[in-house]
PDB file of N, CA and C in Angstrom:
ATOM      1  N   MET A   1      99.462  93.550 111.320  1.00  0.00           N
ATOM      2  CA  MET A   1      98.939  93.196 110.026  1.00  0.00           C
ATOM      3  C   MET A   1     100.048  92.620 109.160  1.00  0.00           C
ATOM      4  N   THR A   2      99.658  91.624 108.415  1.00  0.00           N
ATOM      5  CA  THR A   2     100.589  90.938 107.537  1.00  0.00           C
ATOM      6  C   THR A   2     100.057  91.001 106.110  1.00  0.00           C
ATOM      7  N   VAL A   3     100.955  91.164 105.150  1.00  0.00           N
ATOM      8  CA  VAL A   3     100.567  91.180 103.738  1.00  0.00           C
ATOM      9  C   VAL A   3     101.254  90.020 103.031  1.00  0.00           C
ATOM     10  N   GLU A   4     100.472  89.268 102.267  1.00  0.00           N
ATOM     11  CA  GLU A   4     100.999  88.179 101.445  1.00  0.00           C
ATOM     12  C   GLU A   4     100.648  88.472  99.994  1.00  0.00           C
ATOM     13  N   ARG A   5     101.557  88.151  99.089  1.00  0.00           N
ATOM     14  CA  ARG A   5     101.303  88.333  97.654  1.00  0.00           C
ATOM     15  C   ARG A   5     101.172  86.953  97.019  1.00  0.00           C
ATOM     16  N   LEU A   6     100.087  86.773  96.276  1.00  0.00           N
ATOM     17  CA  LEU A   6      99.846  85.536  95.536  1.00  0.00           C
ATOM     18  C   LEU A   6      99.548  85.924  94.095  1.00  0.00           C
ATOM     19  N   GLY A   7     100.590  86.058  93.297  1.00  0.00           N
ATOM     20  CA  GLY A   7     100.416  86.547  91.929  1.00  0.00           C
ATOM     21  C   GLY A   7      99.933  87.986  91.956  1.00  0.00           C
ATOM     22  N   ARG A   8      98.785  88.251  91.319  1.00  0.00           N
ATOM     23  CA  ARG A   8      98.224  89.608  91.302  1.00  0.00           C
ATOM     24  C   ARG A   8      97.200  89.817  92.406  1.00  0.00           C
ATOM     25  N   THR A   9      97.190  88.909  93.375  1.00  0.00           N
ATOM     26  CA  THR A   9      96.309  89.029  94.534  1.00  0.00           C
ATOM     27  C   THR A   9      97.145  89.367  95.757  1.00  0.00           C
ATOM     28  N   LEU A  10      96.683  90.365  96.509  1.00  0.00           N
ATOM     29  CA  LEU A  10      97.294  90.685  97.798  1.00  0.00           C
ATOM     30  C   LEU A  10      96.335  90.253  98.896  1.00  0.00           C
ATOM     31  N   VAL A  11      96.887  89.658  99.946  1.00  0.00           N
ATOM     32  CA  VAL A  11      96.099  89.251 101.100  1.00  0.00           C
ATOM     33  C   VAL A  11      96.605  90.036 102.297  1.00  0.00           C
ATOM     34  N   LEU A  12      95.719  90.797 102.920  1.00  0.00           N
ATOM     35  CA  LEU A  12      96.037  91.565 104.118  1.00  0.00           C
ATOM     36  C   LEU A  12      95.377  90.862 105.293  1.00  0.00           C
ATOM     37  N   ILE A  13      96.192  90.384 106.222  1.00  0.00           N
ATOM     38  CA  ILE A  13      95.685  89.649 107.383  1.00  0.00           C
ATOM     39  C   ILE A  13      95.663  90.597 108.573  1.00  0.00           C
ATOM     40  N   VAL A  14      94.459  90.835 109.086  1.00  0.00           N
ATOM     41  CA  VAL A  14      94.269  91.734 110.225  1.00  0.00           C
ATOM     42  C   VAL A  14      94.117  90.870 111.469  1.00  0.00           C
ATOM     43  N   ASP A  15      94.859  91.196 112.519  1.00  0.00           N
ATOM     44  CA  ASP A  15      94.859  90.410 113.750  1.00  0.00           C
ATOM     45  C   ASP A  15      94.548  91.323 114.927  1.00  0.00           C
ATOM     46  N   GLY A  16      93.615  90.904 115.781  1.00  0.00           N
ATOM     47  CA  GLY A  16      93.282  91.699 116.968  1.00  0.00           C
ATOM     48  C   GLY A  16      91.999  92.476 116.779  1.00  0.00           C
ATOM     49  N   ASP A  17      91.947  93.668 117.344  1.00  0.00           N
ATOM     50  CA  ASP A  17      90.764  94.517 117.261  1.00  0.00           C
ATOM     51  C   ASP A  17      90.868  95.461 116.071  1.00  0.00           C
ATOM     52  N   LEU A  18      89.728  95.802 115.497  1.00  0.00           N
ATOM     53  CA  LEU A  18      89.660  96.814 114.448  1.00  0.00           C
ATOM     54  C   LEU A  18      88.717  97.889 114.977  1.00  0.00           C
ATOM     55  N   ASP A  19      89.325  98.869 115.647  1.00  0.00           N
ATOM     56  CA  ASP A  19      88.562  99.888 116.362  1.00  0.00           C
ATOM     57  C   ASP A  19      89.202 101.257 116.177  1.00  0.00           C
ATOM     58  N   LEU A  20      88.783 102.213 116.972  1.00  0.00           N
ATOM     59  CA  LEU A  20      89.278 103.580 116.853  1.00  0.00           C
ATOM     60  C   LEU A  20      90.800 103.648 116.978  1.00  0.00           C
ATOM     61  N   HIS A  21      91.364 102.820 117.829  1.00  0.00           N
ATOM     62  CA  HIS A  21      92.808 102.825 118.060  1.00  0.00           C
ATOM     63  C   HIS A  21      93.591 102.240 116.876  1.00  0.00           C
ATOM     64  N   THR A  22      93.068 101.182 116.270  1.00  0.00           N
ATOM     65  CA  THR A  22      93.805 100.479 115.215  1.00  0.00           C
ATOM     66  C   THR A  22      93.354 100.837 113.797  1.00  0.00           C
ATOM     67  N   ALA A  23      92.234 101.533 113.667  1.00  0.00           N
ATOM     68  CA  ALA A  23      91.703 101.883 112.337  1.00  0.00           C
ATOM     69  C   ALA A  23      92.698 102.655 111.471  1.00  0.00           C
ATOM     70  N   PRO A  24      93.433 103.644 112.012  1.00  0.00           N
ATOM     71  CA  PRO A  24      94.388 104.354 111.151  1.00  0.00           C
ATOM     72  C   PRO A  24      95.457 103.438 110.546  1.00  0.00           C
ATOM     73  N   THR A  25      95.932 102.479 111.315  1.00  0.00           N
ATOM     74  CA  THR A  25      96.931 101.538 110.810  1.00  0.00           C
ATOM     75  C   THR A  25      96.327 100.654 109.720  1.00  0.00           C
ATOM     76  N   ALA A  26      95.103 100.185 109.953  1.00  0.00           N
ATOM     77  CA  ALA A  26      94.427  99.359 108.953  1.00  0.00           C
ATOM     78  C   ALA A  26      94.175 100.157 107.680  1.00  0.00           C
ATOM     79  N   ARG A  27      93.729 101.387 107.833  1.00  0.00           N
ATOM     80  CA  ARG A  27      93.469 102.248 106.668  1.00  0.00           C
ATOM     81  C   ARG A  27      94.741 102.429 105.845  1.00  0.00           C
ATOM     82  N   GLN A  28      95.837 102.710 106.532  1.00  0.00           N
ATOM     83  CA  GLN A  28      97.115 102.918 105.847  1.00  0.00           C
ATOM     84  C   GLN A  28      97.564 101.639 105.129  1.00  0.00           C
ATOM     85  N   ALA A  29      97.403 100.498 105.774  1.00  0.00           N
ATOM     86  CA  ALA A  29      97.801  99.226 105.156  1.00  0.00           C
ATOM     87  C   ALA A  29      96.966  98.930 103.913  1.00  0.00           C
ATOM     88  N   ILE A  30      95.668  99.203 103.980  1.00  0.00           N
ATOM     89  CA  ILE A  30      94.792  98.967 102.833  1.00  0.00           C
ATOM     90  C   ILE A  30      95.126  99.934 101.706  1.00  0.00           C
ATOM     91  N   GLU A  31      95.326 101.209 102.038  1.00  0.00           N
ATOM     92  CA  GLU A  31      95.682 102.195 101.009  1.00  0.00           C
ATOM     93  C   GLU A  31      97.005 101.839 100.339  1.00  0.00           C
ATOM     94  N   SER A  32      97.963 101.374 101.129  1.00  0.00           N
ATOM     95  CA  SER A  32      99.249 100.962 100.570  1.00  0.00           C
ATOM     96  C   SER A  32      99.068  99.774  99.623  1.00  0.00           C
ATOM     97  N   ALA A  33      98.278  98.803 100.049  1.00  0.00           N
ATOM     98  CA  ALA A  33      98.022  97.636  99.195  1.00  0.00           C
ATOM     99  C   ALA A  33      97.328  98.052  97.900  1.00  0.00           C
ATOM    100  N   LEU A  34      96.340  98.934  97.995  1.00  0.00           N
ATOM    101  CA  LEU A  34      95.614  99.380  96.803  1.00  0.00           C
ATOM    102  C   LEU A  34      96.492 100.202  95.866  1.00  0.00           C
ATOM    103  N   SER A  35      97.500 100.863  96.410  1.00  0.00           N
ATOM    104  CA  SER A  35      98.385 101.673  95.564  1.00  0.00           C
ATOM    105  C   SER A  35      99.173 100.811  94.574  1.00  0.00           C
ATOM    106  N   HIS A  36      99.294  99.522  94.858  1.00  0.00           N
ATOM    107  CA  HIS A  36      99.973  98.589  93.952  1.00  0.00           C
ATOM    108  C   HIS A  36      99.036  98.080  92.854  1.00  0.00           C
ATOM    109  N   ARG A  37      97.776  98.477  92.927  1.00  0.00           N
ATOM    110  CA  ARG A  37      96.734  98.093  91.964  1.00  0.00           C
ATOM    111  C   ARG A  37      96.691  96.589  91.716  1.00  0.00           C
ATOM    112  N   PRO A  38      96.509  95.814  92.794  1.00  0.00           N
ATOM    113  CA  PRO A  38      96.373  94.370  92.593  1.00  0.00           C
ATOM    114  C   PRO A  38      95.051  94.068  91.885  1.00  0.00           C
ATOM    115  N   ARG A  39      94.997  92.951  91.239  1.00  0.00           N
ATOM    116  CA  ARG A  39      93.735  92.528  90.622  1.00  0.00           C
ATOM    117  C   ARG A  39      92.700  92.277  91.715  1.00  0.00           C
ATOM    118  N   ARG A  40      93.157  91.673  92.827  1.00  0.00           N
ATOM    119  CA  ARG A  40      92.255  91.368  93.937  1.00  0.00           C
ATOM    120  C   ARG A  40      92.964  91.675  95.246  1.00  0.00           C
ATOM    121  N   LEU A  41      92.226  92.263  96.179  1.00  0.00           N
ATOM    122  CA  LEU A  41      92.714  92.477  97.539  1.00  0.00           C
ATOM    123  C   LEU A  41      91.785  91.732  98.477  1.00  0.00           C
ATOM    124  N   VAL A  42      92.346  90.779  99.202  1.00  0.00           N
ATOM    125  CA  VAL A  42      91.598  90.012 100.189  1.00  0.00           C
ATOM    126  C   VAL A  42      91.986  90.546 101.562  1.00  0.00           C
ATOM    127  N   VAL A  43      91.004  91.056 102.294  1.00  0.00           N
ATOM    128  CA  VAL A  43      91.234  91.512 103.661  1.00  0.00           C
ATOM    129  C   VAL A  43      90.699  90.411 104.571  1.00  0.00           C
ATOM    130  N   ASP A  44      91.624  89.683 105.181  1.00  0.00           N
ATOM    131  CA  ASP A  44      91.275  88.537 106.020  1.00  0.00           C
ATOM    132  C   ASP A  44      91.038  89.020 107.445  1.00  0.00           C
ATOM    133  N   LEU A  45      89.773  88.969 107.865  1.00  0.00           N
ATOM    134  CA  LEU A  45      89.377  89.430 109.197  1.00  0.00           C
ATOM    135  C   LEU A  45      89.120  88.263 110.146  1.00  0.00           C
ATOM    136  N   SER A  46      89.569  87.068 109.790  1.00  0.00           N
ATOM    137  CA  SER A  46      89.266  85.890 110.605  1.00  0.00           C
ATOM    138  C   SER A  46      89.929  85.918 111.975  1.00  0.00           C
ATOM    139  N   LEU A  47      90.966  86.735 112.161  1.00  0.00           N
ATOM    140  CA  LEU A  47      91.626  86.843 113.468  1.00  0.00           C
ATOM    141  C   LEU A  47      91.184  88.083 114.246  1.00  0.00           C
ATOM    142  N   VAL A  48      90.219  88.827 113.703  1.00  0.00           N
ATOM    143  CA  VAL A  48      89.730  90.036 114.383  1.00  0.00           C
ATOM    144  C   VAL A  48      88.769  89.621 115.490  1.00  0.00           C
ATOM    145  N   ARG A  49      89.024  90.147 116.693  1.00  0.00           N
ATOM    146  CA  ARG A  49      88.210  89.817 117.861  1.00  0.00           C
ATOM    147  C   ARG A  49      87.103  90.830 118.112  1.00  0.00           C
ATOM    148  N   PHE A  50      87.274  92.064 117.605  1.00  0.00           N
ATOM    149  CA  PHE A  50      86.312  93.137 117.871  1.00  0.00           C
ATOM    150  C   PHE A  50      86.309  94.096 116.693  1.00  0.00           C
ATOM    151  N   LEU A  51      85.125  94.494 116.253  1.00  0.00           N
ATOM    152  CA  LEU A  51      84.971  95.422 115.136  1.00  0.00           C
ATOM    153  C   LEU A  51      83.937  96.467 115.523  1.00  0.00           C
ATOM    154  N   ASN A  52      84.334  97.745 115.495  1.00  0.00           N
ATOM    155  CA  ASN A  52      83.375  98.808 115.808  1.00  0.00           C
ATOM    156  C   ASN A  52      83.209  99.736 114.615  1.00  0.00           C
ATOM    157  N   SER A  53      82.540 100.866 114.828  1.00  0.00           N
ATOM    158  CA  SER A  53      82.209 101.770 113.721  1.00  0.00           C
ATOM    159  C   SER A  53      83.448 102.312 113.013  1.00  0.00           C
ATOM    160  N   ALA A  54      84.533 102.530 113.730  1.00  0.00           N
ATOM    161  CA  ALA A  54      85.762 103.013 113.086  1.00  0.00           C
ATOM    162  C   ALA A  54      86.301 101.958 112.121  1.00  0.00           C
ATOM    163  N   GLY A  55      86.249 100.708 112.513  1.00  0.00           N
ATOM    164  CA  GLY A  55      86.676  99.622 111.637  1.00  0.00           C
ATOM    165  C   GLY A  55      85.748  99.447 110.450  1.00  0.00           C
ATOM    166  N   LEU A  56      84.447  99.590 110.688  1.00  0.00           N
ATOM    167  CA  LEU A  56      83.477  99.511 109.593  1.00  0.00           C
ATOM    168  C   LEU A  56      83.725 100.603 108.562  1.00  0.00           C
ATOM    169  N   GLU A  57      84.060 101.791 109.041  1.00  0.00           N
ATOM    170  CA  GLU A  57      84.337 102.910 108.139  1.00  0.00           C
ATOM    171  C   GLU A  57      85.565 102.620 107.281  1.00  0.00           C
ATOM    172  N   VAL A  58      86.574 101.995 107.857  1.00  0.00           N
ATOM    173  CA  VAL A  58      87.772 101.617 107.099  1.00  0.00           C
ATOM    174  C   VAL A  58      87.393 100.643 105.979  1.00  0.00           C
ATOM    175  N   LEU A  59      86.552  99.672 106.286  1.00  0.00           N
ATOM    176  CA  LEU A  59      86.158  98.677 105.287  1.00  0.00           C
ATOM    177  C   LEU A  59      85.311  99.298 104.182  1.00  0.00           C
ATOM    178  N   LEU A  60      84.404 100.194 104.548  1.00  0.00           N
ATOM    179  CA  LEU A  60      83.576 100.857 103.541  1.00  0.00           C
ATOM    180  C   LEU A  60      84.414 101.765 102.646  1.00  0.00           C
ATOM    181  N   THR A  61      85.350 102.485 103.235  1.00  0.00           N
ATOM    182  CA  THR A  61      86.251 103.333 102.448  1.00  0.00           C
ATOM    183  C   THR A  61      87.098 102.484 101.507  1.00  0.00           C
ATOM    184  N   ALA A  62      87.580 101.354 101.988  1.00  0.00           N
ATOM    185  CA  ALA A  62      88.368 100.446 101.137  1.00  0.00           C
ATOM    186  C   ALA A  62      87.537  99.967  99.954  1.00  0.00           C
ATOM    187  N   HIS A  63      86.285  99.649 100.210  1.00  0.00           N
ATOM    188  CA  HIS A  63      85.375  99.211  99.144  1.00  0.00           C
ATOM    189  C   HIS A  63      85.251 100.293  98.071  1.00  0.00           C
ATOM    190  N   ARG A  64      85.087 101.520  98.496  1.00  0.00           N
ATOM    191  CA  ARG A  64      84.950 102.634  97.553  1.00  0.00           C
ATOM    192  C   ARG A  64      86.254 102.899  96.794  1.00  0.00           C
ATOM    193  N   GLN A  65      87.381 102.816  97.494  1.00  0.00           N
ATOM    194  CA  GLN A  65      88.675 103.083  96.858  1.00  0.00           C
ATOM    195  C   GLN A  65      89.072 101.977  95.883  1.00  0.00           C
ATOM    196  N   ALA A  66      88.680 100.763  96.162  1.00  0.00           N
ATOM    197  CA  ALA A  66      89.074  99.625  95.325  1.00  0.00           C
ATOM    198  C   ALA A  66      88.382  99.657  93.963  1.00  0.00           C
ATOM    199  N   ALA A  67      87.135 100.025  93.945  1.00  0.00           N
ATOM    200  CA  ALA A  67      86.378 100.029  92.684  1.00  0.00           C
ATOM    201  C   ALA A  67      86.912 101.118  91.777  1.00  0.00           C
ATOM    202  N   PRO A  68      87.005 100.928  90.500  1.00  0.00           N
ATOM    203  CA  PRO A  68      86.656  99.729  89.742  1.00  0.00           C
ATOM    204  C   PRO A  68      87.859  98.850  89.402  1.00  0.00           C
ATOM    205  N   HIS A  69      89.043  99.183  89.876  1.00  0.00           N
ATOM    206  CA  HIS A  69      90.261  98.498  89.428  1.00  0.00           C
ATOM    207  C   HIS A  69      90.618  97.246  90.221  1.00  0.00           C
ATOM    208  N   THR A  70      90.236  97.200  91.479  1.00  0.00           N
ATOM    209  CA  THR A  70      90.624  96.082  92.334  1.00  0.00           C
ATOM    210  C   THR A  70      89.383  95.402  92.883  1.00  0.00           C
ATOM    211  N   ASP A  71      89.382  94.097  92.828  1.00  0.00           N
ATOM    212  CA  ASP A  71      88.296  93.275  93.348  1.00  0.00           C
ATOM    213  C   ASP A  71      88.557  93.064  94.842  1.00  0.00           C
ATOM    214  N   LEU A  72      87.794  93.745  95.701  1.00  0.00           N
ATOM    215  CA  LEU A  72      87.986  93.664  97.150  1.00  0.00           C
ATOM    216  C   LEU A  72      87.128  92.549  97.722  1.00  0.00           C
ATOM    217  N   ARG A  73      87.748  91.681  98.499  1.00  0.00           N
ATOM    218  CA  ARG A  73      87.065  90.573  99.170  1.00  0.00           C
ATOM    219  C   ARG A  73      87.389  90.618 100.652  1.00  0.00           C
ATOM    220  N   LEU A  74      86.405  90.299 101.482  1.00  0.00           N
ATOM    221  CA  LEU A  74      86.618  90.184 102.921  1.00  0.00           C
ATOM    222  C   LEU A  74      86.471  88.725 103.325  1.00  0.00           C
ATOM    223  N   VAL A  75      87.280  88.311 104.286  1.00  0.00           N
ATOM    224  CA  VAL A  75      87.131  86.993 104.896  1.00  0.00           C
ATOM    225  C   VAL A  75      86.580  87.228 106.291  1.00  0.00           C
ATOM    226  N   VAL A  76      85.386  86.699 106.527  1.00  0.00           N
ATOM    227  CA  VAL A  76      84.711  86.870 107.815  1.00  0.00           C
ATOM    228  C   VAL A  76      84.326  85.487 108.313  1.00  0.00           C
ATOM    229  N   SER A  77      84.884  85.092 109.445  1.00  0.00           N
ATOM    230  CA  SER A  77      84.608  83.754 109.963  1.00  0.00           C
ATOM    231  C   SER A  77      84.164  83.762 111.421  1.00  0.00           C
ATOM    232  N   THR A  78      83.951  84.952 111.987  1.00  0.00           N
ATOM    233  CA  THR A  78      83.518  85.023 113.385  1.00  0.00           C
ATOM    234  C   THR A  78      82.306  85.942 113.516  1.00  0.00           C
ATOM    235  N   ARG A  79      81.496  85.674 114.513  1.00  0.00           N
ATOM    236  CA  ARG A  79      80.342  86.534 114.789  1.00  0.00           C
ATOM    237  C   ARG A  79      80.774  87.927 115.223  1.00  0.00           C
ATOM    238  N   ALA A  80      81.935  88.041 115.843  1.00  0.00           N
ATOM    239  CA  ALA A  80      82.422  89.356 116.294  1.00  0.00           C
ATOM    240  C   ALA A  80      82.574  90.320 115.128  1.00  0.00           C
ATOM    241  N   VAL A  81      82.828  89.807 113.950  1.00  0.00           N
ATOM    242  CA  VAL A  81      82.953  90.640 112.749  1.00  0.00           C
ATOM    243  C   VAL A  81      81.657  90.608 111.939  1.00  0.00           C
ATOM    244  N   TRP A  82      81.058  89.428 111.821  1.00  0.00           N
ATOM    245  CA  TRP A  82      79.843  89.306 111.018  1.00  0.00           C
ATOM    246  C   TRP A  82      78.710  90.180 111.552  1.00  0.00           C
ATOM    247  N   ARG A  83      78.510  90.176 112.855  1.00  0.00           N
ATOM    248  CA  ARG A  83      77.357  90.870 113.448  1.00  0.00           C
ATOM    249  C   ARG A  83      77.354  92.370 113.142  1.00  0.00           C
ATOM    250  N   PRO A  84      78.452  93.107 113.343  1.00  0.00           N
ATOM    251  CA  PRO A  84      78.432  94.532 112.989  1.00  0.00           C
ATOM    252  C   PRO A  84      78.187  94.768 111.489  1.00  0.00           C
ATOM    253  N   LEU A  85      78.733  93.906 110.643  1.00  0.00           N
ATOM    254  CA  LEU A  85      78.491  94.037 109.201  1.00  0.00           C
ATOM    255  C   LEU A  85      77.011  93.819 108.886  1.00  0.00           C
ATOM    256  N   GLN A  86      76.415  92.867 109.577  1.00  0.00           N
ATOM    257  CA  GLN A  86      75.005  92.558 109.361  1.00  0.00           C
ATOM    258  C   GLN A  86      74.104  93.669 109.915  1.00  0.00           C
ATOM    259  N   LEU A  87      74.382  94.134 111.112  1.00  0.00           N
ATOM    260  CA  LEU A  87      73.557  95.176 111.736  1.00  0.00           C
ATOM    261  C   LEU A  87      73.546  96.468 110.929  1.00  0.00           C
ATOM    262  N   THR A  88      74.661  96.781 110.300  1.00  0.00           N
ATOM    263  CA  THR A  88      74.762  98.007 109.501  1.00  0.00           C
ATOM    264  C   THR A  88      74.399  97.768 108.036  1.00  0.00           C
ATOM    265  N   ARG A  89      74.092  96.525 107.697  1.00  0.00           N
ATOM    266  CA  ARG A  89      73.743  96.110 106.332  1.00  0.00           C
ATOM    267  C   ARG A  89      74.898  96.263 105.347  1.00  0.00           C
ATOM    268  N   LEU A  90      76.105  96.442 105.859  1.00  0.00           N
ATOM    269  CA  LEU A  90      77.265  96.502 104.970  1.00  0.00           C
ATOM    270  C   LEU A  90      77.504  95.165 104.280  1.00  0.00           C
ATOM    271  N   HIS A  91      77.037  94.084 104.904  1.00  0.00           N
ATOM    272  CA  HIS A  91      77.205  92.772 104.271  1.00  0.00           C
ATOM    273  C   HIS A  91      76.476  92.691 102.928  1.00  0.00           C
ATOM    274  N   ASP A  92      75.509  93.588 102.697  1.00  0.00           N
ATOM    275  CA  ASP A  92      74.811  93.629 101.412  1.00  0.00           C
ATOM    276  C   ASP A  92      75.634  94.306 100.319  1.00  0.00           C
ATOM    277  N   HIS A  93      76.660  95.042 100.704  1.00  0.00           N
ATOM    278  CA  HIS A  93      77.438  95.833  99.748  1.00  0.00           C
ATOM    279  C   HIS A  93      78.861  95.325  99.540  1.00  0.00           C
ATOM    280  N   LEU A  94      79.348  94.513 100.459  1.00  0.00           N
ATOM    281  CA  LEU A  94      80.720  94.014 100.402  1.00  0.00           C
ATOM    282  C   LEU A  94      80.722  92.552  99.972  1.00  0.00           C
ATOM    283  N   VAL A  95      81.781  92.138  99.318  1.00  0.00           N
ATOM    284  CA  VAL A  95      81.918  90.732  98.923  1.00  0.00           C
ATOM    285  C   VAL A  95      82.599  90.009 100.075  1.00  0.00           C
ATOM    286  N   ILE A  96      81.861  89.074 100.675  1.00  0.00           N
ATOM    287  CA  ILE A  96      82.308  88.412 101.899  1.00  0.00           C
ATOM    288  C   ILE A  96      82.380  86.907 101.674  1.00  0.00           C
ATOM    289  N   HIS A  97      83.461  86.321 102.176  1.00  0.00           N
ATOM    290  CA  HIS A  97      83.653  84.875 102.102  1.00  0.00           C
ATOM    291  C   HIS A  97      83.960  84.347 103.497  1.00  0.00           C
ATOM    292  N   ALA A  98      83.672  83.071 103.695  1.00  0.00           N
ATOM    293  CA  ALA A  98      83.897  82.442 104.990  1.00  0.00           C
ATOM    294  C   ALA A  98      85.335  81.971 105.178  1.00  0.00           C
ATOM    295  N   SER A  99      86.098  81.889 104.082  1.00  0.00           N
ATOM    296  CA  SER A  99      87.485  81.431 104.201  1.00  0.00           C
ATOM    297  C   SER A  99      88.375  82.189 103.225  1.00  0.00           C
ATOM    298  N   ARG A 100      89.647  82.224 103.543  1.00  0.00           N
ATOM    299  CA  ARG A 100      90.624  82.877 102.672  1.00  0.00           C
ATOM    300  C   ARG A 100      90.707  82.162 101.323  1.00  0.00           C
ATOM    301  N   SER A 101      90.699  80.840 101.353  1.00  0.00           N
ATOM    302  CA  SER A 101      90.806  80.095 100.095  1.00  0.00           C
ATOM    303  C   SER A 101      89.619  80.381  99.177  1.00  0.00           C
ATOM    304  N   ALA A 102      88.422  80.512  99.737  1.00  0.00           N
ATOM    305  CA  ALA A 102      87.243  80.837  98.921  1.00  0.00           C
ATOM    306  C   ALA A 102      87.355  82.241  98.344  1.00  0.00           C
ATOM    307  N   ALA A 103      87.847  83.181  99.125  1.00  0.00           N
ATOM    308  CA  ALA A 103      87.993  84.562  98.657  1.00  0.00           C
ATOM    309  C   ALA A 103      89.002  84.661  97.521  1.00  0.00           C
ATOM    310  N   ILE A 104      90.046  83.861  97.595  1.00  0.00           N
ATOM    311  CA  ILE A 104      91.087  83.882  96.566  1.00  0.00           C
ATOM    312  C   ILE A 104      90.617  83.166  95.301  1.00  0.00           C
ATOM    313  N   ALA A 105      89.920  82.054  95.464  1.00  0.00           N
ATOM    314  CA  ALA A 105      89.587  81.193  94.328  1.00  0.00           C
ATOM    315  C   ALA A 105      88.326  81.580  93.570  1.00  0.00           C
ATOM    316  N   SER A 106      87.422  82.319  94.176  1.00  0.00           N
ATOM    317  CA  SER A 106      86.129  82.574  93.534  1.00  0.00           C
ATOM    318  C   SER A 106      86.262  83.480  92.318  1.00  0.00           C
ATOM    319  N   PRO A 107      85.325  83.359  91.384  1.00  0.00           N
ATOM    320  CA  PRO A 107      85.351  84.215  90.192  1.00  0.00           C
ATOM    321  C   PRO A 107      85.208  85.687  90.563  1.00  0.00           C
ATOM    322  N   ALA A 108      85.599  86.540  89.671  1.00  0.00           N
ATOM    323  CA  ALA A 108      85.605  87.987  89.927  1.00  0.00           C
ATOM    324  C   ALA A 108      84.203  88.554  90.101  1.00  0.00           C
ATOM    325  N   ARG A 109      84.063  89.406  91.107  1.00  0.00           N
ATOM    326  CA  ARG A 109      82.888  90.248  91.367  1.00  0.00           C
ATOM    327  C   ARG A 109      81.545  89.587  91.127  1.00  0.00           C
ATOM    328  N   THR A 110      81.306  88.519  91.841  1.00  0.00           N
ATOM    329  CA  THR A 110      80.004  87.878  91.717  1.00  0.00           C
ATOM    330  C   THR A 110      79.060  88.300  92.824  1.00  0.00           C
ATOM    331  N   GLY A 111      79.567  89.023  93.822  1.00  0.00           N
ATOM    332  CA  GLY A 111      78.675  89.605  94.808  1.00  0.00           C
ATOM    333  C   GLY A 111      78.494  88.853  96.098  1.00  0.00           C
ATOM    334  N   GLY A 112      79.532  88.256  96.624  1.00  0.00           N
ATOM    335  CA  GLY A 112      79.462  87.724  97.974  1.00  0.00           C
ATOM    336  C   GLY A 112      78.715  86.411  98.087  1.00  0.00           C
ATOM    337  N   GLU A 113      79.263  85.379  97.569  1.00  0.00           N
ATOM    338  CA  GLU A 113      78.622  84.084  97.541  1.00  0.00           C
ATOM    339  C   GLU A 113      78.412  83.495  98.930  1.00  0.00           C
ATOM    340  N   ASP A 114      79.329  83.730  99.840  1.00  0.00           N
ATOM    341  CA  ASP A 114      79.299  83.100 101.163  1.00  0.00           C
ATOM    342  C   ASP A 114      78.702  84.046 102.198  1.00  0.00           C
ATOM    343  N   ARG A 115      77.456  84.415 102.069  1.00  0.00           N
ATOM    344  CA  ARG A 115      76.872  85.409 102.967  1.00  0.00           C
ATOM    345  C   ARG A 115      76.254  84.814 104.221  1.00  0.00           C
ATOM    346  N   SER A 116      76.372  83.538 104.430  1.00  0.00           N
ATOM    347  CA  SER A 116      75.809  82.963 105.640  1.00  0.00           C
ATOM    348  C   SER A 116      76.666  83.352 106.835  1.00  0.00           C
ATOM    349  N   PRO A 117      76.016  83.579 107.988  1.00  0.00           N
ATOM    350  CA  PRO A 117      76.789  83.979 109.167  1.00  0.00           C
ATOM    351  C   PRO A 117      77.685  82.851 109.644  1.00  0.00           C
ATOM    352  N   PRO A 118      78.792  83.199 110.275  1.00  0.00           N
ATOM    353  CA  PRO A 118      79.683  82.177 110.834  1.00  0.00           C
ATOM    354  C   PRO A 118      78.969  81.401 111.926  1.00  0.00           C
ATOM    355  N   SER A 119      79.328  80.143 112.073  1.00  0.00           N
ATOM    356  CA  SER A 119      78.697  79.341 113.126  1.00  0.00           C
ATOM    357  C   SER A 119      79.472  79.388 114.408  1.00  0.00           C
TER     358      SER A 119
END
């Protein structure tokens, strides 16, 4: 995982699988990022190849921990990530964008403008 700072926005880039084995590392990275109280935290999942229930739990916990001080955004550009979010209906509760630039540039907390599945 890589963290980039863009002003008061932190971008956490997750690479590989987000599963039972890697969830603790992802959780720790997100908690560390949130401890800095950024205005916005973008979790870029575009390089994630596999997402299971442990990874979903990390994302849901991050959503709960971020509110109300940090605007949490997810970048989802693959079906491997979109499908589990859709099947569990988490896509209805999380702010999801198709690209990192859209997640960074969009206005605060408008509720997931880019909800179409990746092609």
